[in-house]
Protein backbone atom coordinates (compact mmCIF):
# COMPACT_ATOMS: atom_id res chain seq x y z
CA MET A 1 9.45 9.80 -51.38
CA THR A 2 7.53 8.08 -48.16
CA PRO A 3 3.98 9.84 -47.78
CA SER A 4 5.37 10.68 -44.35
CA ALA A 5 7.86 13.11 -45.79
CA GLN A 6 5.49 14.71 -47.76
CA LEU A 7 3.15 17.48 -46.80
CA SER A 8 -0.15 16.47 -45.89
CA PHE A 9 -2.41 18.87 -47.73
CA GLN A 10 -5.81 17.38 -47.30
CA PRO A 11 -7.86 20.72 -47.88
CA SER A 12 -11.63 20.92 -47.13
CA PHE A 13 -13.97 21.69 -50.71
CA GLU A 14 -13.90 25.12 -48.78
CA ASP A 15 -10.34 25.69 -48.96
CA GLN A 16 -10.20 25.01 -52.10
CA ALA A 17 -13.29 26.80 -53.27
CA ALA A 18 -11.66 30.13 -51.11
CA THR A 19 -8.32 29.36 -53.39
CA LEU A 20 -9.47 29.22 -56.55
CA SER A 21 -11.55 32.20 -55.59
CA ALA A 22 -8.34 34.11 -54.76
CA LEU A 23 -6.44 33.18 -57.78
CA GLN A 24 -8.98 33.57 -60.73
CA SER A 25 -7.89 37.67 -61.01
CA ALA A 26 -4.57 36.42 -60.73
CA TYR A 27 -4.70 34.16 -63.44
CA THR A 28 -7.01 35.83 -65.31
CA ALA A 29 -4.18 38.35 -66.00
CA LEU A 30 -1.62 35.85 -66.80
CA VAL A 31 -3.96 34.28 -69.31
CA ARG A 32 -4.08 38.18 -71.04
CA GLU A 33 -0.37 39.30 -70.58
CA PHE A 34 1.19 36.45 -71.82
CA VAL A 35 -1.64 36.06 -74.36
CA ILE A 36 -1.91 32.15 -73.55
CA ASP A 37 -4.50 30.17 -75.47
CA VAL A 38 -6.62 27.87 -73.06
CA PRO A 39 -10.64 28.41 -72.41
CA ALA A 40 -12.68 30.88 -71.12
CA ASN A 41 -12.09 31.24 -67.25
CA PRO A 42 -14.85 29.40 -65.60
CA MET A 43 -14.94 31.50 -63.00
CA HIS A 44 -16.02 34.36 -65.04
CA ASP A 45 -13.90 36.93 -62.84
CA ASP A 46 -16.52 36.33 -60.94
CA ALA A 47 -14.95 37.23 -56.68
CA ASP A 48 -18.43 35.38 -55.36
CA PHE A 49 -17.35 32.16 -57.20
CA ALA A 50 -19.86 29.39 -57.00
CA SER A 51 -18.42 27.20 -54.96
CA THR A 52 -20.25 23.91 -56.51
CA PRO A 53 -18.30 20.55 -56.64
CA GLU A 54 -18.45 20.84 -60.80
CA SER A 55 -17.52 24.21 -60.54
CA VAL A 56 -14.22 23.89 -58.46
CA GLU A 57 -13.33 21.13 -60.68
CA GLN A 58 -13.95 22.70 -63.38
CA ALA A 59 -11.85 25.86 -62.42
CA PHE A 60 -8.72 23.72 -61.25
CA THR A 61 -8.74 21.85 -64.44
CA TRP A 62 -8.27 25.35 -66.56
CA LEU A 63 -5.83 26.69 -63.67
CA GLN A 64 -4.11 23.40 -64.27
CA GLN A 65 -3.92 24.04 -67.99
CA VAL A 66 -2.36 28.25 -67.30
CA ASP A 67 -0.12 26.25 -65.12
CA ALA A 68 1.53 23.93 -68.25
CA GLN A 69 1.64 27.31 -70.26
CA ILE A 70 3.54 30.03 -68.02
CA GLN A 71 6.78 29.35 -67.35
CA VAL A 72 8.72 30.05 -64.35
CA HIS A 73 10.64 33.20 -65.77
CA GLN A 74 7.34 34.87 -66.91
CA LEU A 75 5.83 34.02 -63.20
CA ARG A 76 8.13 35.80 -61.81
CA GLN A 77 7.95 38.70 -64.33
CA PHE A 78 4.27 38.85 -63.35
CA LEU A 79 4.24 38.96 -59.57
CA GLN A 80 7.35 41.35 -59.50
CA THR A 81 4.76 43.49 -61.37
CA THR A 82 1.75 43.07 -60.32
CA PRO A 83 -0.28 45.17 -57.52
CA LEU A 84 -2.01 41.53 -57.01
CA ALA A 85 1.22 40.24 -55.56
CA ASN A 86 0.43 40.84 -51.47
CA GLU A 87 0.94 37.58 -48.80
CA ALA A 88 -2.30 36.58 -49.58
CA MET A 89 -1.75 35.74 -53.35
CA LEU A 90 1.41 34.72 -52.72
CA ARG A 91 0.19 31.97 -50.11
CA HIS A 92 -2.91 31.12 -52.42
CA LEU A 93 -0.52 30.30 -55.54
CA LEU A 94 1.81 28.03 -52.20
CA LEU A 95 -1.10 26.73 -51.60
CA HIS A 96 -2.52 25.65 -55.00
CA HIS A 97 0.76 24.20 -56.16
CA LEU A 98 1.49 22.59 -53.39
CA ARG A 99 -1.88 20.18 -53.29
CA LYS A 100 -1.38 18.64 -56.54
CA PRO A 101 -1.25 15.70 -56.72
CA THR A 102 1.18 15.40 -59.34
CA LYS A 103 3.90 17.81 -59.05
CA SER A 104 6.25 18.30 -62.82
CA ALA A 105 9.84 20.33 -62.34
CA SER A 106 8.29 22.78 -63.64
CA ASP A 107 5.79 22.70 -60.32
CA ARG A 108 8.76 22.42 -57.96
CA ASP A 109 10.53 25.59 -59.90
CA LYS A 110 7.35 27.77 -58.95
CA THR A 111 7.49 26.85 -55.52
CA ASP A 112 11.06 27.31 -55.25
CA PHE A 113 10.43 30.72 -56.50
CA LEU A 114 7.47 31.55 -54.70
CA LEU A 115 8.30 30.34 -51.15
CA VAL A 116 11.72 32.98 -51.74
CA GLN A 117 9.18 35.28 -52.64
CA TYR A 118 6.22 35.34 -49.48
CA PHE A 119 9.37 35.05 -47.61
CA SER A 120 10.87 37.85 -48.81
CA LEU A 121 7.36 39.95 -48.30
CA CYS A 122 6.70 38.24 -44.70
CA ALA A 123 10.70 38.71 -42.95
CA PRO A 124 11.27 42.40 -41.75
CA SER A 125 13.50 44.57 -43.86
CA GLY A 126 16.04 44.90 -41.68
CA LEU A 127 16.32 40.76 -40.76
CA GLU A 128 20.87 40.48 -40.42
CA ASP A 129 22.11 37.08 -42.16
CA ALA A 130 23.02 35.53 -38.55
CA ASP A 131 19.59 35.51 -37.71
CA LEU A 132 18.50 33.96 -41.08
CA ASP A 133 18.72 30.55 -39.35
CA LEU A 134 16.46 27.11 -40.42
CA ASP A 135 14.33 28.05 -37.36
CA TYR A 136 13.34 31.19 -38.54
CA VAL A 137 12.39 30.47 -42.02
CA ALA A 138 10.74 27.32 -41.37
CA GLN A 139 8.39 29.99 -38.71
CA VAL A 140 7.54 32.04 -41.54
CA LEU A 141 6.66 29.45 -43.74
CA GLU A 142 4.42 28.03 -41.59
CA PRO A 143 1.36 29.85 -42.73
CA VAL A 144 1.88 27.22 -46.43
CA LEU A 145 4.07 24.74 -45.01
CA GLY A 146 2.36 24.18 -41.92
CA PRO A 147 3.67 23.44 -38.47
CA GLN A 148 5.74 20.25 -39.06
CA ALA A 149 8.56 22.28 -41.45
CA SER A 150 9.74 23.30 -38.32
CA GLN A 151 10.26 20.11 -36.75
CA SER A 152 12.07 18.24 -39.43
CA LYS A 153 15.53 17.83 -39.08
CA LEU A 154 18.05 18.92 -42.16
CA PRO A 155 18.92 16.04 -44.49
CA ASP A 156 21.99 14.85 -44.82
CA TRP A 157 22.03 15.03 -48.32
CA LEU A 158 21.33 19.19 -47.93
CA SER A 159 24.60 19.86 -46.36
CA ALA A 160 26.27 21.12 -48.98
CA LEU A 161 23.98 23.75 -49.46
CA GLU A 162 25.81 25.64 -46.15
CA THR A 163 29.11 25.12 -48.18
CA ILE A 164 27.42 26.41 -51.48
CA LEU A 165 26.47 29.30 -49.29
CA GLN A 166 30.18 29.87 -48.00
CA SER A 167 31.13 29.81 -50.94
CA ALA A 168 28.84 32.63 -52.83
CA ALA A 169 29.51 34.67 -50.06
CA ARG A 170 33.53 35.02 -50.78
CA SER A 171 32.46 36.07 -53.91
CA LYS A 172 34.02 40.25 -53.74
CA ARG A 173 31.92 40.95 -57.64
CA LEU A 174 29.49 39.92 -59.31
CA SER A 175 32.12 38.28 -61.98
CA GLU A 176 33.37 35.83 -59.20
CA LEU A 177 30.06 34.79 -57.56
CA LEU A 178 28.83 34.27 -60.97
CA HIS A 179 31.79 32.15 -62.25
CA SER A 180 32.29 30.20 -58.90
CA GLY A 181 29.01 28.10 -60.27
CA THR A 182 27.24 28.26 -56.81
CA ILE A 183 23.88 29.21 -58.24
CA GLU A 184 24.34 26.43 -60.80
CA GLN A 185 25.55 23.62 -57.79
CA GLY A 186 22.42 24.61 -55.79
CA ARG A 187 20.20 23.99 -58.64
CA LYS A 188 21.30 20.77 -59.45
CA LEU A 189 21.34 19.32 -55.81
CA LYS A 190 17.76 20.17 -56.21
CA ALA A 191 17.21 18.46 -59.53
CA GLU A 192 19.22 15.37 -58.99
CA ASN A 193 16.88 15.33 -55.54
CA ALA A 194 13.49 16.01 -57.16
CA THR A 195 12.09 13.35 -56.07
CA ARG A 196 12.62 14.96 -52.11
CA TYR A 197 11.91 18.52 -52.35
CA PHE A 198 8.94 18.66 -51.42
CA GLU A 199 9.72 17.00 -47.84
CA PRO A 200 9.16 19.58 -45.71
CA SER A 201 12.52 19.93 -43.70
CA ALA A 202 13.83 20.37 -47.62
CA MET A 203 11.47 23.64 -48.94
CA VAL A 204 13.06 25.50 -46.06
CA ALA A 205 16.62 24.45 -46.81
CA PHE A 206 16.26 25.82 -50.03
CA ALA A 207 14.42 28.79 -49.60
CA ARG A 208 16.78 29.85 -46.96
CA PHE A 209 19.83 28.73 -49.94
CA SER A 210 17.86 30.86 -51.83
CA PHE A 211 16.51 34.00 -50.31
CA MET A 212 20.90 34.43 -49.07
CA ILE A 213 22.08 33.92 -52.67
CA ARG A 214 19.82 36.55 -54.07
CA ARG A 215 20.80 38.99 -51.12
CA ILE A 216 24.20 38.31 -51.93
CA PHE A 217 24.29 38.77 -55.73
CA PHE A 218 22.12 42.51 -55.02
CA ARG A 219 24.78 43.63 -52.77
CA LEU A 220 27.91 42.37 -55.63
CA MET A 221 25.43 43.56 -58.20
CA HIS A 222 25.28 47.16 -56.68
CA ASP A 223 28.88 47.03 -55.81
CA ASP A 224 30.05 46.60 -59.02
CA LEU A 225 27.14 49.51 -60.14
CA ASN A 226 28.09 51.77 -57.79
CA ALA A 227 32.03 50.76 -58.97
CA ILE A 228 30.77 51.64 -62.94
CA GLN A 229 29.78 54.77 -62.06
CA ASP A 230 32.38 56.07 -59.51
CA GLY A 231 34.89 55.18 -62.37
CA LEU A 232 32.94 56.79 -65.26
CA ARG A 233 32.78 60.17 -63.35
CA ASP A 234 36.41 60.04 -62.21
CA LEU A 235 37.30 59.21 -65.85
CA GLU A 236 35.10 62.05 -67.21
CA ARG A 237 36.77 64.52 -64.23
CA ARG A 238 40.05 63.49 -66.92
CA GLY A 239 38.39 64.75 -69.52
CA VAL A 240 38.11 60.79 -70.82
CA LYS A 241 34.04 60.91 -72.81
CA THR A 242 34.38 57.54 -74.73
CA ILE A 243 35.91 54.40 -73.57
CA ASP A 244 36.03 50.50 -75.46
CA CYS A 245 33.13 48.63 -74.12
CA ARG A 246 32.95 46.38 -77.06
CA ARG A 247 33.94 43.70 -75.17
CA ALA A 248 30.68 44.14 -73.32
CA GLN A 249 28.95 44.36 -76.73
CA PHE A 250 29.10 48.12 -76.62
CA SER A 251 31.17 50.53 -79.45
CA ALA A 252 35.43 50.97 -79.29
CA GLU A 253 34.37 54.70 -78.04
CA GLU A 254 31.27 54.43 -76.27
CA PRO A 255 30.19 58.05 -74.38
CA THR A 256 30.52 57.86 -70.79
CA ALA A 257 27.13 59.61 -70.47
CA ARG A 258 24.97 57.48 -71.88
CA LEU A 259 26.83 54.37 -70.00
CA ARG A 260 26.29 56.17 -66.40
CA MET A 261 22.37 56.41 -68.29
CA ILE A 262 22.63 52.76 -68.92
CA CYS A 263 23.53 52.00 -65.18
CA GLN A 264 20.68 53.79 -63.93
CA SER A 265 18.02 51.64 -65.73
CA TRP A 266 19.72 48.53 -65.22
CA LYS A 267 19.62 49.30 -61.12
CA VAL A 268 15.67 48.84 -61.90
CA MET A 269 16.53 45.79 -64.43
CA PHE A 270 18.21 43.81 -62.08
CA HIS A 271 15.79 44.82 -59.26
CA ALA A 272 14.84 41.20 -58.83
CA GLU A 273 16.50 38.83 -60.85
CA TYR A 274 19.59 37.31 -60.13
CA SER A 275 19.61 34.45 -63.44
CA SER A 276 19.20 37.11 -66.38
CA GLY A 277 21.79 35.84 -68.16
CA GLN A 278 23.37 37.98 -70.74
CA PRO A 279 22.45 41.35 -69.24
CA LEU A 280 24.34 40.66 -66.07
CA ARG A 281 27.53 39.18 -68.55
CA MET A 282 27.21 42.84 -70.07
CA LEU A 283 27.06 44.32 -66.78
CA VAL A 284 30.35 42.33 -65.42
CA ASP A 285 32.41 43.01 -68.82
CA LEU A 286 31.33 46.35 -68.60
CA ARG A 287 33.06 47.04 -65.04
CA ALA A 288 36.26 45.06 -66.72
CA ALA A 289 36.21 48.11 -69.69
CA VAL A 290 35.80 51.16 -67.03
CA ASP A 291 38.69 49.24 -65.04
CA ASP A 292 40.74 48.95 -68.16
CA ALA A 293 40.05 51.95 -68.99
CA LEU A 294 41.30 54.08 -65.06
CA GLN A 295 44.15 51.62 -65.50
CA ASN A 296 45.67 51.91 -69.31
CA GLY A 297 44.17 55.29 -69.54
CA ALA A 298 42.73 54.04 -72.92
CA GLY A 299 39.67 55.22 -74.72
CA LYS A 300 39.83 59.57 -74.22
CA ASN A 301 38.55 61.89 -77.10
CA PRO A 302 40.94 63.02 -79.17
CA ALA A 303 41.01 66.47 -78.06
CA ALA A 304 42.05 65.32 -74.38
CA LYS A 305 44.25 62.78 -76.34
CA SER A 306 46.43 65.28 -78.06
CA ALA A 307 46.23 67.26 -75.03
CA ALA A 308 48.19 65.71 -73.15
CA THR A 309 50.26 64.51 -76.25
CA ALA A 310 51.47 68.32 -76.13
CA ALA A 311 51.53 68.39 -72.73
CA GLY A 312 54.26 65.70 -72.93
CA THR A 313 56.51 66.83 -76.41
CA PRO A 314 60.03 67.75 -76.21
CA GLY A 315 59.98 71.64 -77.02
CA SER A 316 56.62 72.03 -76.25
CA GLY A 317 58.32 74.60 -73.40
CA LYS A 318 54.95 72.34 -70.85
CA GLN A 319 56.22 70.24 -68.79
CA ARG A 320 54.17 66.86 -68.02
């Protein structure tokens, strides 16, 4: 990466001290929550952090030690549950990672996640997809990326992001999105151009891409959960109390009432994560199992099945 392509972060001593002081409570909480084995926090949970060159260097070294052991999924989990994750905290976290003289692949992934979190927090809740152009995203991210982010043109090597997004937007079900490989394509493009990721225009483009993919994911996930719950209610009205859910790693006679409770819990579990792996596969497979039960009448409880058989037996005096 050429020096001109990089963000020119040369914070003053006071800015560095302010960022370190702002982050100490969050990093102390991270160490405690994930039982990270690092030396004691040199800032000592002190809001009045002593701003001397020695203390700033010690604090920065300690944060680096924590960074090296915190994985991006742990940072994601922490920030999606802690009350500390406000605009100021996210801004300082981003500045901390962007100011690092040497950035690892983990730093890149954390920065990518933090940019999307920051944008999600700062952008209006009713924002339409049509309003999410690169200029708007750059404007929202300006407090952390600077004005040069909006002055940079989208490089040719990022043109594939729009094609990937259009493919993802055509997905009608969560299974289509997961099997399409669009999420993996975006990650591959990021990994293959790792040395250029920290160009301002690239960070803006990837933040927009990840935010849009997240929106598509949530829409499809809620559609699947609603379809499952509607299907379960329909089955229960027909007298079906259990269905075969072995493909979703449940039992061959899984109670519909229990499945409805599981769907409610999944709405919370999937609240802010679109790459949860196996649980998402279970959601996709559960919808397929419910669809099969609706189409084939499979999974009826014995009483309902016996009644249906008797209704269609010649000589029973009953008509179907």
